Amino acid sequence: MSTKTISIDMIAYEKLNAARLSPRDSFSQVIRRAHWDQEAKTCGSLLSALQGMPVADEEVIESLDSAQRQDLPPDDSWS
């Protein structure tokens, strides 16, 4: 089997090392056991997540709109 060398920071190394079941457990075995159950980042998943959130009232929306209208670019873009 071919191998690939990777670099990881010490925090990642410690987590990987802690996940070993025994001293003979290789990092490859640990990685193959890992599960990354992250949902796909889609518009549908965003809409699903937003369904349970409360809606802002009119006062908050007007305050945000007002702040946006007053937020002008600086005269000098370098300052």
PDB file of N, CA and C in Angstrom:
ATOM      1  N   MET A   1       0.839  -1.167   0.000  1.00  0.00           N
ATOM      2  CA  MET A   1       0.000   0.000   0.000  1.00  0.00           C
ATOM      3  C   MET A   1       0.892   1.241   0.000  1.00  0.00           C
ATOM      4  N   SER A   2       0.516   2.228  -0.819  1.00  0.00           N
ATOM      5  CA  SER A   2       1.319   3.449  -0.857  1.00  0.00           C
ATOM      6  C   SER A   2       0.979   4.341   0.331  1.00  0.00           C
ATOM      7  N   THR A   3       1.878   5.268   0.639  1.00  0.00           N
ATOM      8  CA  THR A   3       1.676   6.178   1.766  1.00  0.00           C
ATOM      9  C   THR A   3       1.835   7.606   1.299  1.00  0.00           C
ATOM     10  N   LYS A   4       1.352   8.529   2.122  1.00  0.00           N
ATOM     11  CA  LYS A   4       1.466   9.957   1.842  1.00  0.00           C
ATOM     12  C   LYS A   4       1.838  10.639   3.148  1.00  0.00           C
ATOM     13  N   THR A   5       2.830  11.493   3.123  1.00  0.00           N
ATOM     14  CA  THR A   5       3.250  12.221   4.314  1.00  0.00           C
ATOM     15  C   THR A   5       2.464  13.520   4.397  1.00  0.00           C
ATOM     16  N   ILE A   6       1.914  13.811   5.586  1.00  0.00           N
ATOM     17  CA  ILE A   6       1.170  15.049   5.795  1.00  0.00           C
ATOM     18  C   ILE A   6       1.732  15.769   7.013  1.00  0.00           C
ATOM     19  N   SER A   7       1.468  17.067   7.097  1.00  0.00           N
ATOM     20  CA  SER A   7       1.862  17.856   8.264  1.00  0.00           C
ATOM     21  C   SER A   7       0.598  18.291   8.980  1.00  0.00           C
ATOM     22  N   ILE A   8       0.586  18.128  10.313  1.00  0.00           N
ATOM     23  CA  ILE A   8      -0.538  18.576  11.118  1.00  0.00           C
ATOM     24  C   ILE A   8       0.004  19.336  12.321  1.00  0.00           C
ATOM     25  N   ASP A   9      -0.815  20.214  12.883  1.00  0.00           N
ATOM     26  CA  ASP A   9      -0.346  20.948  14.056  1.00  0.00           C
ATOM     27  C   ASP A   9      -0.427  20.048  15.287  1.00  0.00           C
ATOM     28  N   MET A  10       0.135  20.511  16.383  1.00  0.00           N
ATOM     29  CA  MET A  10       0.235  19.688  17.586  1.00  0.00           C
ATOM     30  C   MET A  10      -1.130  19.368  18.193  1.00  0.00           C
ATOM     31  N   ILE A  11      -2.078  20.291  18.084  1.00  0.00           N
ATOM     32  CA  ILE A  11      -3.417  20.025  18.624  1.00  0.00           C
ATOM     33  C   ILE A  11      -4.058  18.872  17.862  1.00  0.00           C
ATOM     34  N   ALA A  12      -3.955  18.891  16.540  1.00  0.00           N
ATOM     35  CA  ALA A  12      -4.507  17.807  15.729  1.00  0.00           C
ATOM     36  C   ALA A  12      -3.790  16.493  16.028  1.00  0.00           C
ATOM     37  N   TYR A  13      -2.472  16.559  16.204  1.00  0.00           N
ATOM     38  CA  TYR A  13      -1.701  15.365  16.521  1.00  0.00           C
ATOM     39  C   TYR A  13      -2.158  14.751  17.839  1.00  0.00           C
ATOM     40  N   GLU A  14      -2.347  15.596  18.860  1.00  0.00           N
ATOM     41  CA  GLU A  14      -2.769  15.098  20.169  1.00  0.00           C
ATOM     42  C   GLU A  14      -4.152  14.447  20.090  1.00  0.00           C
ATOM     43  N   LYS A  15      -5.059  15.041  19.328  1.00  0.00           N
ATOM     44  CA  LYS A  15      -6.394  14.454  19.163  1.00  0.00           C
ATOM     45  C   LYS A  15      -6.302  13.114  18.448  1.00  0.00           C
ATOM     46  N   LEU A  16      -5.497  13.064  17.410  1.00  0.00           N
ATOM     47  CA  LEU A  16      -5.318  11.827  16.656  1.00  0.00           C
ATOM     48  C   LEU A  16      -4.684  10.761  17.541  1.00  0.00           C
ATOM     49  N   ASN A  17      -3.684  11.132  18.284  1.00  0.00           N
ATOM     50  CA  ASN A  17      -2.994  10.201  19.170  1.00  0.00           C
ATOM     51  C   ASN A  17      -3.942   9.677  20.258  1.00  0.00           C
ATOM     52  N   ALA A  18      -4.790  10.576  20.793  1.00  0.00           N
ATOM     53  CA  ALA A  18      -5.728  10.180  21.846  1.00  0.00           C
ATOM     54  C   ALA A  18      -6.804   9.220  21.317  1.00  0.00           C
ATOM     55  N   ALA A  19      -7.069   9.252  20.031  1.00  0.00           N
ATOM     56  CA  ALA A  19      -8.106   8.406  19.438  1.00  0.00           C
ATOM     57  C   ALA A  19      -7.613   6.988  19.152  1.00  0.00           C
ATOM     58  N   ARG A  20      -6.323   6.732  19.357  1.00  0.00           N
ATOM     59  CA  ARG A  20      -5.783   5.386  19.126  1.00  0.00           C
ATOM     60  C   ARG A  20      -6.341   4.430  20.178  1.00  0.00           C
ATOM     61  N   LEU A  21      -6.722   3.241  19.758  1.00  0.00           N
ATOM     62  CA  LEU A  21      -7.266   2.254  20.682  1.00  0.00           C
ATOM     63  C   LEU A  21      -6.171   1.496  21.417  1.00  0.00           C
ATOM     64  N   SER A  22      -4.986   1.444  20.820  1.00  0.00           N
ATOM     65  CA  SER A  22      -3.843   0.785  21.451  1.00  0.00           C
ATOM     66  C   SER A  22      -2.578   1.400  20.856  1.00  0.00           C
ATOM     67  N   PRO A  23      -1.437   1.156  21.495  1.00  0.00           N
ATOM     68  CA  PRO A  23      -0.182   1.687  20.947  1.00  0.00           C
ATOM     69  C   PRO A  23       0.130   1.162  19.544  1.00  0.00           C
ATOM     70  N   ARG A  24      -0.413  -0.003  19.213  1.00  0.00           N
ATOM     71  CA  ARG A  24      -0.162  -0.576  17.883  1.00  0.00           C
ATOM     72  C   ARG A  24      -1.113  -0.029  16.824  1.00  0.00           C
ATOM     73  N   ASP A  25      -2.130   0.723  17.241  1.00  0.00           N
ATOM     74  CA  ASP A  25      -3.108   1.311  16.329  1.00  0.00           C
ATOM     75  C   ASP A  25      -2.429   2.409  15.514  1.00  0.00           C
ATOM     76  N   SER A  26      -2.464   2.299  14.205  1.00  0.00           N
ATOM     77  CA  SER A  26      -1.818   3.310  13.366  1.00  0.00           C
ATOM     78  C   SER A  26      -2.733   4.519  13.185  1.00  0.00           C
ATOM     79  N   PHE A  27      -2.133   5.640  12.818  1.00  0.00           N
ATOM     80  CA  PHE A  27      -2.935   6.823  12.548  1.00  0.00           C
ATOM     81  C   PHE A  27      -3.852   6.573  11.357  1.00  0.00           C
ATOM     82  N   SER A  28      -3.440   5.792  10.398  1.00  0.00           N
ATOM     83  CA  SER A  28      -4.291   5.458   9.258  1.00  0.00           C
ATOM     84  C   SER A  28      -5.550   4.730   9.729  1.00  0.00           C
ATOM     85  N   GLN A  29      -5.383   3.821  10.675  1.00  0.00           N
ATOM     86  CA  GLN A  29      -6.543   3.104  11.212  1.00  0.00           C
ATOM     87  C   GLN A  29      -7.487   4.063  11.940  1.00  0.00           C
ATOM     88  N   VAL A  30      -6.917   4.986  12.694  1.00  0.00           N
ATOM     89  CA  VAL A  30      -7.736   5.973  13.409  1.00  0.00           C
ATOM     90  C   VAL A  30      -8.525   6.810  12.415  1.00  0.00           C
ATOM     91  N   ILE A  31      -7.874   7.285  11.369  1.00  0.00           N
ATOM     92  CA  ILE A  31      -8.528   8.126  10.373  1.00  0.00           C
ATOM     93  C   ILE A  31      -9.621   7.351   9.643  1.00  0.00           C
ATOM     94  N   ARG A  32      -9.357   6.086   9.304  1.00  0.00           N
ATOM     95  CA  ARG A  32     -10.377   5.285   8.613  1.00  0.00           C
ATOM     96  C   ARG A  32     -11.603   5.053   9.490  1.00  0.00           C
ATOM     97  N   ARG A  33     -11.440   5.018  10.819  1.00  0.00           N
ATOM     98  CA  ARG A  33     -12.570   4.839  11.729  1.00  0.00           C
ATOM     99  C   ARG A  33     -13.369   6.126  11.922  1.00  0.00           C
ATOM    100  N   ALA A  34     -12.768   7.263  11.618  1.00  0.00           N
ATOM    101  CA  ALA A  34     -13.396   8.559  11.886  1.00  0.00           C
ATOM    102  C   ALA A  34     -14.650   8.749  11.043  1.00  0.00           C
ATOM    103  N   HIS A  35     -15.578   9.520  11.596  1.00  0.00           N
ATOM    104  CA  HIS A  35     -16.819   9.855  10.892  1.00  0.00           C
ATOM    105  C   HIS A  35     -16.952  11.373  10.844  1.00  0.00           C
ATOM    106  N   TRP A  36     -17.121  11.893   9.671  1.00  0.00           N
ATOM    107  CA  TRP A  36     -17.381  13.319   9.497  1.00  0.00           C
ATOM    108  C   TRP A  36     -18.788  13.435   8.945  1.00  0.00           C
ATOM    109  N   ASP A  37     -19.751  13.492   9.868  1.00  0.00           N
ATOM    110  CA  ASP A  37     -21.156  13.498   9.483  1.00  0.00           C
ATOM    111  C   ASP A  37     -21.669  14.917   9.301  1.00  0.00           C
ATOM    112  N   GLN A  38     -20.995  15.663   8.486  1.00  0.00           N
ATOM    113  CA  GLN A  38     -21.441  17.025   8.230  1.00  0.00           C
ATOM    114  C   GLN A  38     -22.394  17.017   7.046  1.00  0.00           C
ATOM    115  N   GLU A  39     -23.489  17.719   7.236  1.00  0.00           N
ATOM    116  CA  GLU A  39     -24.471  17.839   6.182  1.00  0.00           C
ATOM    117  C   GLU A  39     -23.894  18.694   5.053  1.00  0.00           C
ATOM    118  N   ALA A  40     -24.295  18.380   3.840  1.00  0.00           N
ATOM    119  CA  ALA A  40     -23.844  19.180   2.705  1.00  0.00           C
ATOM    120  C   ALA A  40     -24.320  20.619   2.871  1.00  0.00           C
ATOM    121  N   LYS A  41     -23.474  21.559   2.535  1.00  0.00           N
ATOM    122  CA  LYS A  41     -23.832  22.967   2.650  1.00  0.00           C
ATOM    123  C   LYS A  41     -24.595  23.373   1.392  1.00  0.00           C
ATOM    124  N   THR A  42     -25.915  23.310   1.496  1.00  0.00           N
ATOM    125  CA  THR A  42     -26.771  23.651   0.371  1.00  0.00           C
ATOM    126  C   THR A  42     -27.770  24.713   0.808  1.00  0.00           C
ATOM    127  N   CYS A  43     -28.410  25.333  -0.146  1.00  0.00           N
ATOM    128  CA  CYS A  43     -29.447  26.312   0.161  1.00  0.00           C
ATOM    129  C   CYS A  43     -30.603  25.631   0.893  1.00  0.00           C
ATOM    130  N   GLY A  44     -30.911  24.414   0.507  1.00  0.00           N
ATOM    131  CA  GLY A  44     -31.981  23.674   1.169  1.00  0.00           C
ATOM    132  C   GLY A  44     -31.680  23.439   2.641  1.00  0.00           C
ATOM    133  N   SER A  45     -30.427  23.086   2.971  1.00  0.00           N
ATOM    134  CA  SER A  45     -30.089  22.867   4.378  1.00  0.00           C
ATOM    135  C   SER A  45     -30.118  24.180   5.156  1.00  0.00           C
ATOM    136  N   LEU A  46     -29.747  25.293   4.515  1.00  0.00           N
ATOM    137  CA  LEU A  46     -29.843  26.605   5.158  1.00  0.00           C
ATOM    138  C   LEU A  46     -31.302  26.950   5.445  1.00  0.00           C
ATOM    139  N   LEU A  47     -32.170  26.751   4.455  1.00  0.00           N
ATOM    140  CA  LEU A  47     -33.586  27.042   4.654  1.00  0.00           C
ATOM    141  C   LEU A  47     -34.183  26.174   5.762  1.00  0.00           C
ATOM    142  N   SER A  48     -33.781  24.929   5.829  1.00  0.00           N
ATOM    143  CA  SER A  48     -34.268  24.034   6.889  1.00  0.00           C
ATOM    144  C   SER A  48     -33.826  24.532   8.266  1.00  0.00           C
ATOM    145  N   ALA A  49     -32.584  24.992   8.357  1.00  0.00           N
ATOM    146  CA  ALA A  49     -32.077  25.492   9.632  1.00  0.00           C
ATOM    147  C   ALA A  49     -32.787  26.778  10.045  1.00  0.00           C
ATOM    148  N   LEU A  50     -33.163  27.593   9.065  1.00  0.00           N
ATOM    149  CA  LEU A  50     -33.808  28.867   9.369  1.00  0.00           C
ATOM    150  C   LEU A  50     -35.264  28.714   9.789  1.00  0.00           C
ATOM    151  N   GLN A  51     -35.886  27.600   9.463  1.00  0.00           N
ATOM    152  CA  GLN A  51     -37.306  27.427   9.762  1.00  0.00           C
ATOM    153  C   GLN A  51     -37.613  27.524  11.251  1.00  0.00           C
ATOM    154  N   GLY A  52     -36.731  27.070  12.095  1.00  0.00           N
ATOM    155  CA  GLY A  52     -36.982  27.097  13.536  1.00  0.00           C
ATOM    156  C   GLY A  52     -36.581  28.393  14.211  1.00  0.00           C
ATOM    157  N   MET A  53     -36.007  29.326  13.474  1.00  0.00           N
ATOM    158  CA  MET A  53     -35.529  30.570  14.086  1.00  0.00           C
ATOM    159  C   MET A  53     -36.648  31.601  14.166  1.00  0.00           C
ATOM    160  N   PRO A  54     -36.636  32.435  15.214  1.00  0.00           N
ATOM    161  CA  PRO A  54     -37.662  33.477  15.319  1.00  0.00           C
ATOM    162  C   PRO A  54     -37.434  34.574  14.283  1.00  0.00           C
ATOM    163  N   VAL A  55     -38.505  35.226  13.904  1.00  0.00           N
ATOM    164  CA  VAL A  55     -38.440  36.308  12.922  1.00  0.00           C
ATOM    165  C   VAL A  55     -38.238  37.625  13.671  1.00  0.00           C
ATOM    166  N   ALA A  56     -37.365  38.482  13.145  1.00  0.00           N
ATOM    167  CA  ALA A  56     -37.116  39.783  13.768  1.00  0.00           C
ATOM    168  C   ALA A  56     -38.349  40.664  13.608  1.00  0.00           C
ATOM    169  N   ASP A  57     -38.630  41.481  14.637  1.00  0.00           N
ATOM    170  CA  ASP A  57     -39.792  42.364  14.539  1.00  0.00           C
ATOM    171  C   ASP A  57     -39.453  43.587  13.685  1.00  0.00           C
ATOM    172  N   GLU A  58     -40.471  44.356  13.345  1.00  0.00           N
ATOM    173  CA  GLU A  58     -40.313  45.506  12.447  1.00  0.00           C
ATOM    174  C   GLU A  58     -39.322  46.538  12.973  1.00  0.00           C
ATOM    175  N   GLU A  59     -39.289  46.747  14.280  1.00  0.00           N
ATOM    176  CA  GLU A  59     -38.378  47.741  14.867  1.00  0.00           C
ATOM    177  C   GLU A  59     -36.918  47.354  14.609  1.00  0.00           C
ATOM    178  N   VAL A  60     -36.594  46.093  14.766  1.00  0.00           N
ATOM    179  CA  VAL A  60     -35.226  45.616  14.533  1.00  0.00           C
ATOM    180  C   VAL A  60     -34.878  45.753  13.046  1.00  0.00           C
ATOM    181  N   ILE A  61     -35.797  45.373  12.180  1.00  0.00           N
ATOM    182  CA  ILE A  61     -35.544  45.449  10.736  1.00  0.00           C
ATOM    183  C   ILE A  61     -35.334  46.898  10.311  1.00  0.00           C
ATOM    184  N   GLU A  62     -36.158  47.814  10.804  1.00  0.00           N
ATOM    185  CA  GLU A  62     -36.001  49.232  10.466  1.00  0.00           C
ATOM    186  C   GLU A  62     -34.680  49.771  10.989  1.00  0.00           C
ATOM    187  N   SER A  63     -34.274  49.360  12.170  1.00  0.00           N
ATOM    188  CA  SER A  63     -32.996  49.798  12.734  1.00  0.00           C
ATOM    189  C   SER A  63     -31.828  49.325  11.869  1.00  0.00           C
ATOM    190  N   LEU A  64     -31.891  48.093  11.416  1.00  0.00           N
ATOM    191  CA  LEU A  64     -30.838  47.561  10.545  1.00  0.00           C
ATOM    192  C   LEU A  64     -30.824  48.265   9.195  1.00  0.00           C
ATOM    193  N   ASP A  65     -32.006  48.522   8.622  1.00  0.00           N
ATOM    194  CA  ASP A  65     -32.082  49.243   7.349  1.00  0.00           C
ATOM    195  C   ASP A  65     -31.504  50.643   7.473  1.00  0.00           C
ATOM    196  N   SER A  66     -31.828  51.326   8.576  1.00  0.00           N
ATOM    197  CA  SER A  66     -31.329  52.679   8.807  1.00  0.00           C
ATOM    198  C   SER A  66     -29.804  52.677   8.922  1.00  0.00           C
ATOM    199  N   ALA A  67     -29.274  51.735   9.684  1.00  0.00           N
ATOM    200  CA  ALA A  67     -27.815  51.648   9.843  1.00  0.00           C
ATOM    201  C   ALA A  67     -27.139  51.377   8.502  1.00  0.00           C
ATOM    202  N   GLN A  68     -27.764  50.551   7.672  1.00  0.00           N
ATOM    203  CA  GLN A  68     -27.192  50.241   6.352  1.00  0.00           C
ATOM    204  C   GLN A  68     -27.184  51.483   5.461  1.00  0.00           C
ATOM    205  N   ARG A  69     -28.255  52.279   5.495  1.00  0.00           N
ATOM    206  CA  ARG A  69     -28.318  53.497   4.673  1.00  0.00           C
ATOM    207  C   ARG A  69     -27.261  54.506   5.116  1.00  0.00           C
ATOM    208  N   GLN A  70     -26.960  54.553   6.407  1.00  0.00           N
ATOM    209  CA  GLN A  70     -25.996  55.524   6.937  1.00  0.00           C
ATOM    210  C   GLN A  70     -24.548  55.059   6.804  1.00  0.00           C
ATOM    211  N   ASP A  71     -24.338  53.827   6.458  1.00  0.00           N
ATOM    212  CA  ASP A  71     -22.989  53.263   6.374  1.00  0.00           C
ATOM    213  C   ASP A  71     -22.395  53.546   5.003  1.00  0.00           C
ATOM    214  N   LEU A  72     -21.721  54.682   4.885  1.00  0.00           N
ATOM    215  CA  LEU A  72     -21.127  55.089   3.624  1.00  0.00           C
ATOM    216  C   LEU A  72     -19.651  54.720   3.592  1.00  0.00           C
ATOM    217  N   PRO A  73     -19.101  54.515   2.392  1.00  0.00           N
ATOM    218  CA  PRO A  73     -17.658  54.237   2.316  1.00  0.00           C
ATOM    219  C   PRO A  73     -16.860  55.442   2.783  1.00  0.00           C
ATOM    220  N   PRO A  74     -15.655  55.217   3.317  1.00  0.00           N
ATOM    221  CA  PRO A  74     -14.837  56.340   3.785  1.00  0.00           C
ATOM    222  C   PRO A  74     -14.381  57.213   2.615  1.00  0.00           C
ATOM    223  N   ASP A  75     -14.109  58.491   2.915  1.00  0.00           N
ATOM    224  CA  ASP A  75     -13.601  59.386   1.884  1.00  0.00           C
ATOM    225  C   ASP A  75     -12.246  58.923   1.386  1.00  0.00           C
ATOM    226  N   ASP A  76     -11.408  58.449   2.307  1.00  0.00           N
ATOM    227  CA  ASP A  76     -10.072  57.972   1.966  1.00  0.00           C
ATOM    228  C   ASP A  76     -10.032  56.463   2.213  1.00  0.00           C
ATOM    229  N   SER A  77      -9.974  55.674   1.167  1.00  0.00           N
ATOM    230  CA  SER A  77     -10.006  54.212   1.309  1.00  0.00           C
ATOM    231  C   SER A  77      -8.755  53.645   1.987  1.00  0.00           C
ATOM    232  N   TRP A  78      -7.736  54.474   2.202  1.00  0.00           N
ATOM    233  CA  TRP A  78      -6.488  54.011   2.810  1.00  0.00           C
ATOM    234  C   TRP A  78      -6.447  54.265   4.312  1.00  0.00           C
ATOM    235  N   SER A  79      -7.488  54.873   4.845  1.00  0.00           N
ATOM    236  CA  SER A  79      -7.457  55.164   6.291  1.00  0.00           C
ATOM    237  C   SER A  79      -8.407  54.277   7.045  1.00  0.00           C
TER     238      SER A  79
END
